[in-house]
Amino acid sequence: MIKILSVLLISLSFFVVESRGDVEKKKDRLRRGGHSLSYSSLSPSSSSLFPSKTVQLIPNSGFHPFVFGPQGSFSNEFVVYNPMNPIYLIVTDCYCGGDQFNLHLNSSTTIPITTGCDGSTATCDVYEEDPFMCMLGLGFCKESVVLTAGFNYLTFEVVRSYFKAGIGFVWTDEACLDSDSNEVPCCVLDFPSTCDWSIAN
C-alpha cells in the first residue's frame, strides 16, 4: 500500500489544509444529513446509492460507496469481471475514521483491511468527506488488493464500527506493471494521469 500511495501522490496538484472550524462545520452538516452521502440514510433499502443487490464495478469508474452497520454485519455484494487482466482494488473507510473491515473474496478468501487503522478515533476526531483523501489519510482503514482475471465477488464484513453505521468506498482499475515491476493501477501510469477519483454516480 505504501508503494501505491507514493504513486498516487503524483496525481495530487496540491493539498488544502482545513481549519478546525471548517472541520467542525462539516461534522455538523453530516450529523444533520446535509450531504448527499450522509449518516441520515445509512440503510441499503433507503437510498439508491446503497442497493441491496449485487453491484458491478467497472474499472476506473470512480469510488463506489458501500454502507455498513454494526460489528458483524455485511455490506452489499460487488462483482468485478475482467476476462483478460488482473484488477487493482482499493477499499477505504471514510467520513468518521476508525472503522475496520474484512474483505470476503469469492466466498473462500478473507483479507483483513488493516492499513492506516487507528483505534483511537471513536469520537470522530478524524473526519473527511472526500474518498481520495480518506485513501491517503491517517486514521482511515484501507487496503489495496490485486484480483485475478475473471469473475470476482466481494463483500465487506464489519470488524469495528463505533457508530454502528458508516460509509466506505471501493475503487478498481486494471492492474499494470510499473518500471519496478510493481502492480499498480494502469491509470496512474498515463501522463497525465487518467484516474477517476470522483464518487461514482
Foldseek 3Di string as FASTA:
>chain_A
DVVQLVLCVLLDPDDDDDDPVVVVVVVVCQVVVVDPDHPVQQDCVRDPLQPQEEAEADALQAWRKWKFFAAFTKTHKYKYAAQPFKKKKKKKFAAQFAWWKWKQKPVPDIHTQAPQADNPRLVSPPGDDQQVCRSNDHRMGMDIDIGGHGMMMIMIGTHHDSVRMGMMIMHMATWDQDPVGDTYHPQSPDVVGPHHHHYHD
